[in-house]
């Protein structure tokens, strides 16, 4: 049985969808939910699901990213995960951290990568006049939002869409896509999964 550590910064809706998928015949189980924010809503949700939680706040480290990541690695490695799933973890990670978990770390991003890396993805898709938006699950590499894409879910952009309205329609797709890709990933399947 593979062990999955899930990193969050906020409400943890993708974490919940991942955790709830890891039951029955699924080849993995959540072993840790870690946040860099002490009051993150997802921590209480993880506890309610019976998952161990931890907090490594980034603020006490100031601009010392290396020290923050060393503390993160210590807590994560103590849980002995096989896979790290970033689920709304709002810190840019350095190559040292990424290389420590090379080939074992996934992220979900709210755009159809390689389009719209970084922030404000829904607004950028609308302003570009795109017909579709969506989300991507990718392996994490040192290039921001640049690792191999393992799955994408597409959502139509509708006339008059706002970034908020589009985000609200993309989120349920994220909740379908990420668990499906994770299940394949822990079984060694890195083929691209497409959902509509």
N, C-alpha and C. Protein backbone atom coordinates (compact mmCIF):
# COMPACT_ATOMS: atom_id res chain seq x y z
N UNK A 1 0.85 -1.20 0.00
CA UNK A 1 0.00 0.00 0.00
C UNK A 1 0.88 1.25 0.00
N UNK A 2 0.69 2.11 -0.99
CA UNK A 2 1.48 3.34 -1.09
C UNK A 2 0.95 4.37 -0.09
N UNK A 3 1.87 5.22 0.36
CA UNK A 3 1.53 6.27 1.32
C UNK A 3 1.63 7.63 0.64
N UNK A 4 0.61 8.46 0.84
CA UNK A 4 0.54 9.76 0.17
C UNK A 4 0.48 10.87 1.21
N UNK A 5 1.41 11.83 1.11
CA UNK A 5 1.37 13.05 1.92
C UNK A 5 0.79 14.16 1.06
N UNK A 6 -0.17 14.90 1.61
CA UNK A 6 -0.87 15.96 0.86
C UNK A 6 -0.54 17.29 1.51
N UNK A 7 -0.06 18.24 0.71
CA UNK A 7 0.34 19.56 1.21
C UNK A 7 -0.69 20.59 0.80
N UNK A 8 -1.16 21.39 1.77
CA UNK A 8 -2.22 22.37 1.53
C UNK A 8 -1.85 23.71 2.17
N UNK A 9 -2.55 24.76 1.71
CA UNK A 9 -2.41 26.06 2.38
C UNK A 9 -3.76 26.63 2.80
N UNK A 10 -4.85 26.05 2.29
CA UNK A 10 -6.16 26.65 2.52
C UNK A 10 -7.22 25.65 2.93
N UNK A 11 -8.38 25.75 2.26
CA UNK A 11 -9.55 24.96 2.65
C UNK A 11 -9.45 23.48 2.37
N UNK A 12 -8.57 23.10 1.46
CA UNK A 12 -8.29 21.68 1.27
C UNK A 12 -9.34 20.90 0.50
N UNK A 13 -10.08 21.55 -0.42
CA UNK A 13 -11.12 20.78 -1.13
C UNK A 13 -10.52 19.69 -2.01
N UNK A 14 -9.40 19.96 -2.66
CA UNK A 14 -8.75 18.91 -3.46
C UNK A 14 -8.17 17.83 -2.55
N UNK A 15 -7.66 18.21 -1.39
CA UNK A 15 -7.16 17.22 -0.43
C UNK A 15 -8.28 16.27 -0.04
N UNK A 16 -9.47 16.82 0.24
CA UNK A 16 -10.60 15.98 0.64
C UNK A 16 -10.96 15.01 -0.48
N UNK A 17 -11.00 15.50 -1.72
CA UNK A 17 -11.35 14.60 -2.84
C UNK A 17 -10.29 13.51 -3.00
N UNK A 18 -9.02 13.85 -2.81
CA UNK A 18 -7.96 12.83 -2.87
C UNK A 18 -8.13 11.82 -1.75
N UNK A 19 -8.28 12.32 -0.53
CA UNK A 19 -8.37 11.43 0.64
C UNK A 19 -9.57 10.50 0.54
N UNK A 20 -10.71 11.04 0.11
CA UNK A 20 -11.92 10.23 0.03
C UNK A 20 -11.83 9.18 -1.08
N UNK A 21 -10.96 9.42 -2.07
CA UNK A 21 -10.81 8.44 -3.15
C UNK A 21 -9.94 7.25 -2.72
N UNK A 22 -9.11 7.45 -1.71
CA UNK A 22 -8.14 6.42 -1.31
C UNK A 22 -8.75 5.46 -0.30
N UNK A 23 -9.73 4.69 -0.77
CA UNK A 23 -10.40 3.70 0.07
C UNK A 23 -10.55 2.41 -0.72
N UNK A 24 -11.04 1.39 -0.07
CA UNK A 24 -11.33 0.14 -0.76
C UNK A 24 -10.12 -0.44 -1.46
N UNK A 25 -10.28 -0.71 -2.75
CA UNK A 25 -9.22 -1.36 -3.53
C UNK A 25 -8.15 -0.38 -4.01
N UNK A 26 -8.30 0.90 -3.69
CA UNK A 26 -7.30 1.90 -4.11
C UNK A 26 -5.92 1.49 -3.57
N UNK A 27 -4.86 1.62 -4.40
CA UNK A 27 -3.53 1.15 -3.97
C UNK A 27 -2.77 2.11 -3.05
N UNK A 28 -3.42 3.18 -2.58
CA UNK A 28 -2.74 4.14 -1.71
C UNK A 28 -3.66 4.60 -0.58
N UNK A 29 -3.03 5.16 0.45
CA UNK A 29 -3.75 5.76 1.57
C UNK A 29 -3.06 7.06 1.96
N UNK A 30 -3.82 8.06 2.42
CA UNK A 30 -3.19 9.29 2.90
C UNK A 30 -2.50 9.04 4.24
N UNK A 31 -1.26 9.48 4.36
CA UNK A 31 -0.52 9.29 5.62
C UNK A 31 -0.30 10.60 6.37
N UNK A 32 -0.48 11.73 5.68
CA UNK A 32 -0.22 13.03 6.31
C UNK A 32 -0.87 14.13 5.49
N UNK A 33 -1.47 15.10 6.18
CA UNK A 33 -1.86 16.37 5.55
C UNK A 33 -1.07 17.46 6.27
N UNK A 34 -0.27 18.18 5.52
CA UNK A 34 0.62 19.20 6.08
C UNK A 34 0.25 20.56 5.50
N UNK A 35 0.24 21.57 6.34
CA UNK A 35 -0.03 22.93 5.88
C UNK A 35 1.06 23.88 6.36
N UNK A 36 1.28 24.93 5.59
CA UNK A 36 2.18 26.01 5.99
C UNK A 36 1.41 27.13 6.70
N UNK A 37 0.11 26.92 6.90
CA UNK A 37 -0.75 27.92 7.54
C UNK A 37 -1.47 27.25 8.72
N UNK A 38 -1.23 27.74 9.93
CA UNK A 38 -1.76 27.08 11.13
C UNK A 38 -3.28 26.97 11.12
N UNK A 39 -3.97 27.98 10.63
CA UNK A 39 -5.43 27.96 10.67
C UNK A 39 -6.09 27.45 9.40
N UNK A 40 -5.34 26.80 8.53
CA UNK A 40 -5.90 26.35 7.26
C UNK A 40 -7.11 25.45 7.48
N UNK A 41 -8.19 25.75 6.78
CA UNK A 41 -9.43 25.01 6.98
C UNK A 41 -9.30 23.53 6.68
N UNK A 42 -8.39 23.18 5.77
CA UNK A 42 -8.22 21.79 5.40
C UNK A 42 -7.69 20.91 6.52
N UNK A 43 -7.03 21.49 7.51
CA UNK A 43 -6.47 20.69 8.61
C UNK A 43 -7.59 20.02 9.42
N UNK A 44 -8.62 20.80 9.74
CA UNK A 44 -9.75 20.23 10.50
C UNK A 44 -10.46 19.17 9.68
N UNK A 45 -10.56 19.39 8.36
CA UNK A 45 -11.20 18.39 7.49
C UNK A 45 -10.38 17.11 7.48
N UNK A 46 -9.06 17.24 7.44
CA UNK A 46 -8.19 16.05 7.45
C UNK A 46 -8.34 15.30 8.77
N UNK A 47 -8.36 16.04 9.87
CA UNK A 47 -8.52 15.41 11.19
C UNK A 47 -9.85 14.66 11.27
N UNK A 48 -10.90 15.27 10.68
CA UNK A 48 -12.22 14.62 10.69
C UNK A 48 -12.21 13.33 9.88
N UNK A 49 -11.31 13.25 8.90
CA UNK A 49 -11.17 12.05 8.08
C UNK A 49 -10.20 11.05 8.71
N UNK A 50 -9.64 11.41 9.88
CA UNK A 50 -8.75 10.50 10.58
C UNK A 50 -7.33 10.48 10.05
N UNK A 51 -6.94 11.55 9.37
CA UNK A 51 -5.59 11.63 8.79
C UNK A 51 -4.68 12.44 9.71
N UNK A 52 -3.47 11.98 9.92
CA UNK A 52 -2.49 12.75 10.70
C UNK A 52 -2.25 14.10 10.04
N UNK A 53 -2.11 15.14 10.84
CA UNK A 53 -1.85 16.48 10.30
C UNK A 53 -0.61 17.08 10.95
N UNK A 54 -0.04 18.05 10.24
CA UNK A 54 1.12 18.77 10.76
C UNK A 54 1.10 20.18 10.18
N UNK A 55 1.72 21.10 10.91
CA UNK A 55 1.84 22.48 10.44
C UNK A 55 3.31 22.88 10.52
N UNK A 56 3.82 23.41 9.40
CA UNK A 56 5.15 24.02 9.38
C UNK A 56 4.95 25.43 8.84
N UNK A 57 4.72 26.41 9.74
CA UNK A 57 4.45 27.77 9.26
C UNK A 57 5.69 28.38 8.61
N UNK A 58 5.47 29.04 7.46
CA UNK A 58 6.62 29.60 6.74
C UNK A 58 7.05 30.95 7.31
N UNK A 59 6.13 31.66 7.95
CA UNK A 59 6.44 33.04 8.38
C UNK A 59 7.63 33.14 9.33
N UNK A 60 7.77 32.24 10.32
CA UNK A 60 8.92 32.38 11.23
C UNK A 60 10.28 32.27 10.51
N UNK A 61 10.30 31.70 9.32
CA UNK A 61 11.55 31.55 8.60
C UNK A 61 11.91 32.78 7.76
N UNK A 62 10.97 33.75 7.70
CA UNK A 62 11.24 34.96 6.93
C UNK A 62 11.57 34.62 5.48
N UNK A 63 12.69 35.13 5.01
CA UNK A 63 13.09 34.88 3.62
C UNK A 63 14.01 33.67 3.49
N UNK A 64 14.22 32.95 4.58
CA UNK A 64 15.12 31.78 4.56
C UNK A 64 14.36 30.55 4.07
N UNK A 65 14.19 30.49 2.76
CA UNK A 65 13.42 29.40 2.17
C UNK A 65 14.07 28.04 2.42
N UNK A 66 15.40 28.02 2.42
CA UNK A 66 16.11 26.74 2.63
C UNK A 66 15.80 26.17 4.01
N UNK A 67 15.76 27.02 5.03
CA UNK A 67 15.47 26.55 6.39
C UNK A 67 14.02 26.07 6.49
N UNK A 68 13.10 26.80 5.86
CA UNK A 68 11.69 26.39 5.85
C UNK A 68 11.55 25.02 5.19
N UNK A 69 12.20 24.85 4.05
CA UNK A 69 12.07 23.58 3.34
C UNK A 69 12.75 22.44 4.09
N UNK A 70 13.83 22.73 4.78
CA UNK A 70 14.48 21.69 5.60
C UNK A 70 13.52 21.21 6.69
N UNK A 71 12.78 22.16 7.28
CA UNK A 71 11.79 21.79 8.30
C UNK A 71 10.64 20.99 7.69
N UNK A 72 10.22 21.40 6.50
CA UNK A 72 9.17 20.65 5.79
C UNK A 72 9.61 19.21 5.53
N UNK A 73 10.81 19.07 4.98
CA UNK A 73 11.32 17.74 4.63
C UNK A 73 11.40 16.85 5.86
N UNK A 74 11.82 17.41 6.98
CA UNK A 74 11.94 16.63 8.21
C UNK A 74 10.58 16.05 8.62
N UNK A 75 9.53 16.89 8.55
CA UNK A 75 8.19 16.44 8.95
C UNK A 75 7.63 15.46 7.93
N UNK A 76 7.81 15.76 6.65
CA UNK A 76 7.28 14.87 5.60
C UNK A 76 7.97 13.51 5.65
N UNK A 77 9.30 13.51 5.74
CA UNK A 77 10.03 12.25 5.72
C UNK A 77 9.72 11.38 6.94
N UNK A 78 9.36 12.01 8.05
CA UNK A 78 8.98 11.24 9.24
C UNK A 78 7.71 10.42 8.98
N UNK A 79 6.87 10.88 8.04
CA UNK A 79 5.64 10.15 7.69
C UNK A 79 5.89 9.09 6.61
N UNK A 80 7.10 9.08 6.06
CA UNK A 80 7.53 8.07 5.08
C UNK A 80 6.57 7.92 3.89
N UNK A 81 6.24 9.03 3.20
CA UNK A 81 5.34 8.89 2.06
C UNK A 81 6.06 8.38 0.81
N UNK A 82 5.28 7.70 -0.03
CA UNK A 82 5.78 7.30 -1.36
C UNK A 82 5.54 8.40 -2.39
N UNK A 83 4.48 9.17 -2.17
CA UNK A 83 4.07 10.21 -3.11
C UNK A 83 3.73 11.47 -2.32
N UNK A 84 4.09 12.62 -2.88
CA UNK A 84 3.71 13.93 -2.33
C UNK A 84 2.71 14.55 -3.30
N UNK A 85 1.53 14.92 -2.79
CA UNK A 85 0.52 15.57 -3.63
C UNK A 85 0.33 17.00 -3.14
N UNK A 86 0.71 17.95 -3.99
CA UNK A 86 0.47 19.36 -3.67
C UNK A 86 -0.97 19.69 -4.04
N UNK A 87 -1.73 20.19 -3.09
CA UNK A 87 -3.15 20.47 -3.32
C UNK A 87 -3.46 21.86 -2.79
N UNK A 88 -3.09 22.86 -3.57
CA UNK A 88 -3.26 24.24 -3.13
C UNK A 88 -2.23 24.64 -2.11
N UNK A 89 -1.01 24.15 -2.29
CA UNK A 89 0.10 24.53 -1.40
C UNK A 89 0.76 25.76 -2.02
N UNK A 90 0.56 26.92 -1.39
CA UNK A 90 0.87 28.20 -2.03
C UNK A 90 2.28 28.71 -1.69
N UNK A 91 3.26 27.83 -1.83
CA UNK A 91 4.66 28.24 -1.69
C UNK A 91 5.41 27.74 -2.91
N UNK A 92 6.24 28.59 -3.47
CA UNK A 92 7.11 28.14 -4.57
C UNK A 92 8.27 27.38 -3.95
N UNK A 93 8.48 26.18 -4.44
CA UNK A 93 9.48 25.28 -3.87
C UNK A 93 10.79 25.36 -4.64
N UNK A 94 11.90 25.23 -3.92
CA UNK A 94 13.21 25.34 -4.55
C UNK A 94 13.61 23.99 -5.16
N UNK A 95 14.60 24.02 -6.06
CA UNK A 95 15.09 22.76 -6.64
C UNK A 95 15.58 21.76 -5.58
N UNK A 96 16.09 22.23 -4.46
CA UNK A 96 16.55 21.30 -3.41
C UNK A 96 15.39 20.45 -2.92
N UNK A 97 14.26 21.08 -2.62
CA UNK A 97 13.08 20.35 -2.16
C UNK A 97 12.55 19.45 -3.26
N UNK A 98 12.42 20.01 -4.46
CA UNK A 98 11.86 19.25 -5.59
C UNK A 98 12.73 18.03 -5.91
N UNK A 99 14.03 18.20 -5.89
CA UNK A 99 14.92 17.07 -6.20
C UNK A 99 14.86 16.00 -5.13
N UNK A 100 14.60 16.40 -3.89
CA UNK A 100 14.49 15.43 -2.78
C UNK A 100 13.36 14.44 -3.04
N UNK A 101 12.29 14.94 -3.71
CA UNK A 101 11.13 14.10 -4.01
C UNK A 101 10.95 13.87 -5.52
N UNK A 102 12.04 13.93 -6.25
CA UNK A 102 11.98 13.81 -7.72
C UNK A 102 11.25 12.55 -8.14
N UNK A 103 10.31 12.72 -9.08
CA UNK A 103 9.56 11.59 -9.60
C UNK A 103 8.46 11.09 -8.69
N UNK A 104 8.27 11.78 -7.55
CA UNK A 104 7.26 11.33 -6.57
C UNK A 104 6.27 12.43 -6.20
N UNK A 105 6.34 13.59 -6.87
CA UNK A 105 5.54 14.74 -6.44
C UNK A 105 4.63 15.21 -7.57
N UNK A 106 3.33 15.36 -7.21
CA UNK A 106 2.32 15.82 -8.16
C UNK A 106 1.77 17.17 -7.71
N UNK A 107 1.24 17.91 -8.69
CA UNK A 107 0.57 19.18 -8.39
C UNK A 107 -0.63 19.30 -9.32
N UNK A 108 -1.67 19.99 -8.84
CA UNK A 108 -2.78 20.34 -9.71
C UNK A 108 -2.75 21.84 -9.94
N UNK A 109 -2.98 22.23 -11.20
CA UNK A 109 -2.89 23.64 -11.59
C UNK A 109 -4.16 24.00 -12.36
N UNK A 110 -4.77 25.16 -12.06
CA UNK A 110 -6.05 25.50 -12.68
C UNK A 110 -5.93 26.15 -14.06
N UNK A 111 -5.25 25.46 -14.97
CA UNK A 111 -5.25 25.87 -16.38
C UNK A 111 -4.91 24.66 -17.22
N UNK A 112 -5.06 24.82 -18.54
CA UNK A 112 -4.66 23.76 -19.47
C UNK A 112 -3.20 24.02 -19.83
N UNK A 113 -2.32 23.52 -18.98
CA UNK A 113 -0.88 23.73 -19.22
C UNK A 113 -0.51 23.17 -20.60
N UNK A 114 0.45 23.77 -21.29
CA UNK A 114 1.40 24.78 -20.80
C UNK A 114 0.88 26.22 -20.78
N UNK A 115 -0.40 26.42 -21.08
CA UNK A 115 -0.96 27.78 -21.00
C UNK A 115 -1.08 28.21 -19.53
N UNK A 116 -0.83 29.49 -19.30
CA UNK A 116 -1.17 30.16 -18.04
C UNK A 116 -0.56 29.51 -16.81
N UNK A 117 0.76 29.43 -16.82
CA UNK A 117 1.47 29.05 -15.60
C UNK A 117 1.33 30.19 -14.60
N UNK A 118 1.48 29.87 -13.31
CA UNK A 118 1.41 30.92 -12.30
C UNK A 118 -0.02 31.23 -11.89
N UNK A 119 -0.29 32.50 -11.62
CA UNK A 119 -1.55 32.92 -11.00
C UNK A 119 -2.55 33.49 -12.01
N UNK A 120 -3.77 33.74 -11.53
CA UNK A 120 -4.85 34.41 -12.29
C UNK A 120 -5.16 33.67 -13.59
N UNK A 121 -5.17 32.35 -13.53
CA UNK A 121 -5.29 31.54 -14.74
C UNK A 121 -6.64 31.70 -15.42
N UNK A 122 -7.73 31.75 -14.65
CA UNK A 122 -9.06 31.81 -15.25
C UNK A 122 -9.27 33.14 -15.97
N UNK A 123 -8.87 34.22 -15.32
CA UNK A 123 -8.99 35.54 -15.93
C UNK A 123 -8.17 35.61 -17.22
N UNK A 124 -6.98 35.06 -17.19
CA UNK A 124 -6.12 35.10 -18.37
C UNK A 124 -6.72 34.30 -19.53
N UNK A 125 -7.36 33.17 -19.23
CA UNK A 125 -8.00 32.37 -20.28
C UNK A 125 -9.18 33.12 -20.90
N UNK A 126 -9.97 33.79 -20.04
CA UNK A 126 -11.12 34.56 -20.53
C UNK A 126 -10.63 35.73 -21.39
N UNK A 127 -9.63 36.46 -20.88
CA UNK A 127 -9.13 37.64 -21.61
C UNK A 127 -8.49 37.26 -22.94
N UNK A 128 -7.96 36.03 -23.04
CA UNK A 128 -7.35 35.58 -24.29
C UNK A 128 -8.39 35.12 -25.31
N UNK A 129 -9.65 35.05 -24.88
CA UNK A 129 -10.70 34.61 -25.79
C UNK A 129 -10.73 33.10 -26.01
N UNK A 130 -10.16 32.35 -25.10
CA UNK A 130 -10.13 30.89 -25.24
C UNK A 130 -11.55 30.32 -25.16
N UNK A 131 -11.77 29.22 -25.88
CA UNK A 131 -13.07 28.54 -25.84
C UNK A 131 -13.16 27.60 -24.65
N UNK A 132 -11.99 27.15 -24.16
CA UNK A 132 -11.97 26.20 -23.06
C UNK A 132 -10.94 26.62 -22.01
N UNK A 133 -11.24 26.26 -20.79
CA UNK A 133 -10.28 26.36 -19.69
C UNK A 133 -10.27 25.00 -19.02
N UNK A 134 -9.66 24.92 -17.85
CA UNK A 134 -9.67 23.64 -17.17
C UNK A 134 -8.56 23.54 -16.16
N UNK A 135 -8.07 22.30 -15.96
CA UNK A 135 -7.05 22.06 -14.96
C UNK A 135 -6.11 20.97 -15.46
N UNK A 136 -4.93 20.96 -14.89
CA UNK A 136 -3.90 19.98 -15.26
C UNK A 136 -3.27 19.41 -14.00
N UNK A 137 -2.98 18.11 -14.02
CA UNK A 137 -2.16 17.49 -12.99
C UNK A 137 -0.83 17.17 -13.64
N UNK A 138 0.25 17.59 -12.97
CA UNK A 138 1.58 17.38 -13.56
C UNK A 138 2.56 16.95 -12.49
N UNK A 139 3.62 16.29 -12.96
CA UNK A 139 4.73 16.01 -12.06
C UNK A 139 5.44 17.32 -11.77
N UNK A 140 5.94 17.46 -10.56
CA UNK A 140 6.61 18.70 -10.17
C UNK A 140 8.09 18.59 -10.52
N UNK A 141 8.55 19.58 -11.27
CA UNK A 141 9.97 19.72 -11.58
C UNK A 141 10.40 21.12 -11.17
N UNK A 142 11.66 21.42 -11.38
CA UNK A 142 12.18 22.73 -10.95
C UNK A 142 11.59 23.89 -11.75
N UNK A 143 10.99 23.59 -12.92
CA UNK A 143 10.35 24.66 -13.71
C UNK A 143 8.93 24.85 -13.19
N UNK A 144 8.56 26.07 -12.81
CA UNK A 144 7.24 26.36 -12.25
C UNK A 144 6.14 25.88 -13.18
N UNK A 145 5.25 25.01 -12.67
CA UNK A 145 4.12 24.48 -13.44
C UNK A 145 4.59 23.88 -14.77
N UNK A 146 5.80 23.31 -14.78
CA UNK A 146 6.39 22.89 -16.04
C UNK A 146 6.68 21.41 -16.19
N UNK A 147 6.35 20.59 -15.20
CA UNK A 147 6.69 19.17 -15.29
C UNK A 147 5.78 18.42 -16.26
N UNK A 148 6.09 17.15 -16.52
CA UNK A 148 5.28 16.35 -17.43
C UNK A 148 3.81 16.35 -17.01
N UNK A 149 2.93 16.59 -17.99
CA UNK A 149 1.48 16.65 -17.72
C UNK A 149 0.92 15.23 -17.74
N UNK A 150 0.23 14.85 -16.66
CA UNK A 150 -0.31 13.51 -16.50
C UNK A 150 -1.81 13.45 -16.75
N UNK A 151 -2.47 14.60 -16.69
CA UNK A 151 -3.91 14.61 -16.91
C UNK A 151 -4.44 16.01 -17.07
N UNK A 152 -5.52 16.14 -17.85
CA UNK A 152 -6.18 17.44 -18.01
C UNK A 152 -7.68 17.25 -18.05
N UNK A 153 -8.38 18.20 -17.45
CA UNK A 153 -9.83 18.25 -17.52
C UNK A 153 -10.24 19.56 -18.16
N UNK A 154 -11.14 19.48 -19.14
CA UNK A 154 -11.54 20.67 -19.90
C UNK A 154 -12.94 21.12 -19.53
N UNK A 155 -13.11 22.43 -19.45
CA UNK A 155 -14.40 23.05 -19.14
C UNK A 155 -14.60 24.18 -20.14
N UNK A 156 -15.80 24.27 -20.72
CA UNK A 156 -16.09 25.33 -21.70
C UNK A 156 -16.14 26.69 -21.00
N UNK A 157 -15.59 27.69 -21.68
CA UNK A 157 -15.74 29.07 -21.22
C UNK A 157 -17.02 29.61 -21.86
N UNK A 158 -17.92 30.10 -21.03
CA UNK A 158 -19.22 30.56 -21.50
C UNK A 158 -19.23 32.08 -21.67
N UNK A 159 -20.12 32.55 -22.55
CA UNK A 159 -20.26 34.00 -22.79
C UNK A 159 -20.56 34.69 -21.47
N UNK A 160 -19.83 35.77 -21.21
CA UNK A 160 -20.07 36.54 -19.98
C UNK A 160 -19.44 35.95 -18.74
N UNK A 161 -18.63 34.91 -18.91
CA UNK A 161 -17.98 34.30 -17.75
C UNK A 161 -17.09 35.30 -17.02
N UNK A 162 -17.12 35.24 -15.69
CA UNK A 162 -16.13 35.93 -14.88
C UNK A 162 -15.11 34.90 -14.42
N UNK A 163 -13.98 35.38 -13.93
CA UNK A 163 -12.97 34.46 -13.41
C UNK A 163 -13.55 33.61 -12.28
N UNK A 164 -14.39 34.23 -11.43
CA UNK A 164 -14.97 33.52 -10.29
C UNK A 164 -15.94 32.43 -10.76
N UNK A 165 -16.78 32.77 -11.76
CA UNK A 165 -17.75 31.79 -12.27
C UNK A 165 -17.04 30.62 -12.93
N UNK A 166 -15.99 30.94 -13.69
CA UNK A 166 -15.23 29.88 -14.36
C UNK A 166 -14.51 29.01 -13.33
N UNK A 167 -13.91 29.64 -12.32
CA UNK A 167 -13.22 28.88 -11.28
C UNK A 167 -14.18 27.91 -10.58
N UNK A 168 -15.43 28.37 -10.36
CA UNK A 168 -16.42 27.54 -9.68
C UNK A 168 -16.79 26.31 -10.52
N UNK A 169 -16.71 26.44 -11.86
CA UNK A 169 -17.01 25.29 -12.73
C UNK A 169 -15.80 24.39 -12.91
N UNK A 170 -14.60 24.96 -12.81
CA UNK A 170 -13.38 24.16 -12.97
C UNK A 170 -13.14 23.31 -11.71
N UNK A 171 -13.50 23.81 -10.54
CA UNK A 171 -13.18 23.10 -9.29
C UNK A 171 -13.74 21.67 -9.24
N UNK A 172 -15.00 21.43 -9.61
CA UNK A 172 -15.49 20.04 -9.62
C UNK A 172 -14.68 19.15 -10.57
N UNK A 173 -14.19 19.72 -11.66
CA UNK A 173 -13.33 18.95 -12.57
C UNK A 173 -12.01 18.61 -11.88
N UNK A 174 -11.46 19.56 -11.12
CA UNK A 174 -10.25 19.27 -10.36
C UNK A 174 -10.49 18.09 -9.42
N UNK A 175 -11.67 18.08 -8.79
CA UNK A 175 -12.00 17.03 -7.82
C UNK A 175 -12.18 15.67 -8.49
N UNK A 176 -12.47 15.64 -9.79
CA UNK A 176 -12.53 14.39 -10.55
C UNK A 176 -11.15 13.99 -11.05
N UNK A 177 -10.42 14.97 -11.59
CA UNK A 177 -9.17 14.68 -12.28
C UNK A 177 -8.06 14.23 -11.33
N UNK A 178 -7.85 14.97 -10.24
CA UNK A 178 -6.69 14.71 -9.38
C UNK A 178 -6.74 13.29 -8.79
N UNK A 179 -7.89 12.85 -8.23
CA UNK A 179 -7.91 11.48 -7.71
C UNK A 179 -7.66 10.43 -8.79
N UNK A 180 -8.19 10.67 -10.00
CA UNK A 180 -8.02 9.70 -11.08
C UNK A 180 -6.55 9.60 -11.49
N UNK A 181 -5.88 10.74 -11.59
CA UNK A 181 -4.45 10.73 -11.96
C UNK A 181 -3.61 10.12 -10.84
N UNK A 182 -3.91 10.47 -9.60
CA UNK A 182 -3.15 9.92 -8.48
C UNK A 182 -3.23 8.39 -8.46
N UNK A 183 -4.42 7.86 -8.65
CA UNK A 183 -4.58 6.40 -8.61
C UNK A 183 -3.72 5.74 -9.69
N UNK A 184 -3.71 6.34 -10.88
CA UNK A 184 -2.88 5.80 -11.97
C UNK A 184 -1.39 5.95 -11.64
N UNK A 185 -1.04 7.09 -11.08
CA UNK A 185 0.37 7.40 -10.80
C UNK A 185 0.97 6.42 -9.80
N UNK A 186 0.23 6.10 -8.74
CA UNK A 186 0.79 5.20 -7.72
C UNK A 186 0.92 3.77 -8.26
N UNK A 187 0.26 3.49 -9.38
CA UNK A 187 0.40 2.19 -10.04
C UNK A 187 1.45 2.22 -11.15
N UNK A 188 2.13 3.37 -11.30
CA UNK A 188 3.18 3.48 -12.29
C UNK A 188 2.72 3.90 -13.67
N UNK A 189 1.46 4.31 -13.79
CA UNK A 189 0.91 4.73 -15.08
C UNK A 189 1.05 6.24 -15.22
N UNK A 190 1.91 6.67 -16.16
CA UNK A 190 2.11 8.10 -16.38
C UNK A 190 1.56 8.57 -17.72
N UNK A 191 0.67 7.76 -18.31
CA UNK A 191 0.04 8.19 -19.56
C UNK A 191 -0.93 9.33 -19.28
N UNK A 192 -1.10 10.20 -20.27
CA UNK A 192 -1.97 11.36 -20.12
C UNK A 192 -3.44 10.92 -20.03
N UNK A 193 -4.16 11.44 -19.05
CA UNK A 193 -5.58 11.20 -18.87
C UNK A 193 -6.33 12.47 -19.24
N UNK A 194 -7.33 12.35 -20.11
CA UNK A 194 -8.11 13.52 -20.52
C UNK A 194 -9.56 13.33 -20.08
N UNK A 195 -10.11 14.34 -19.42
CA UNK A 195 -11.50 14.33 -18.98
C UNK A 195 -12.22 15.54 -19.56
N UNK A 196 -13.50 15.34 -19.91
CA UNK A 196 -14.35 16.46 -20.35
C UNK A 196 -15.59 16.53 -19.46
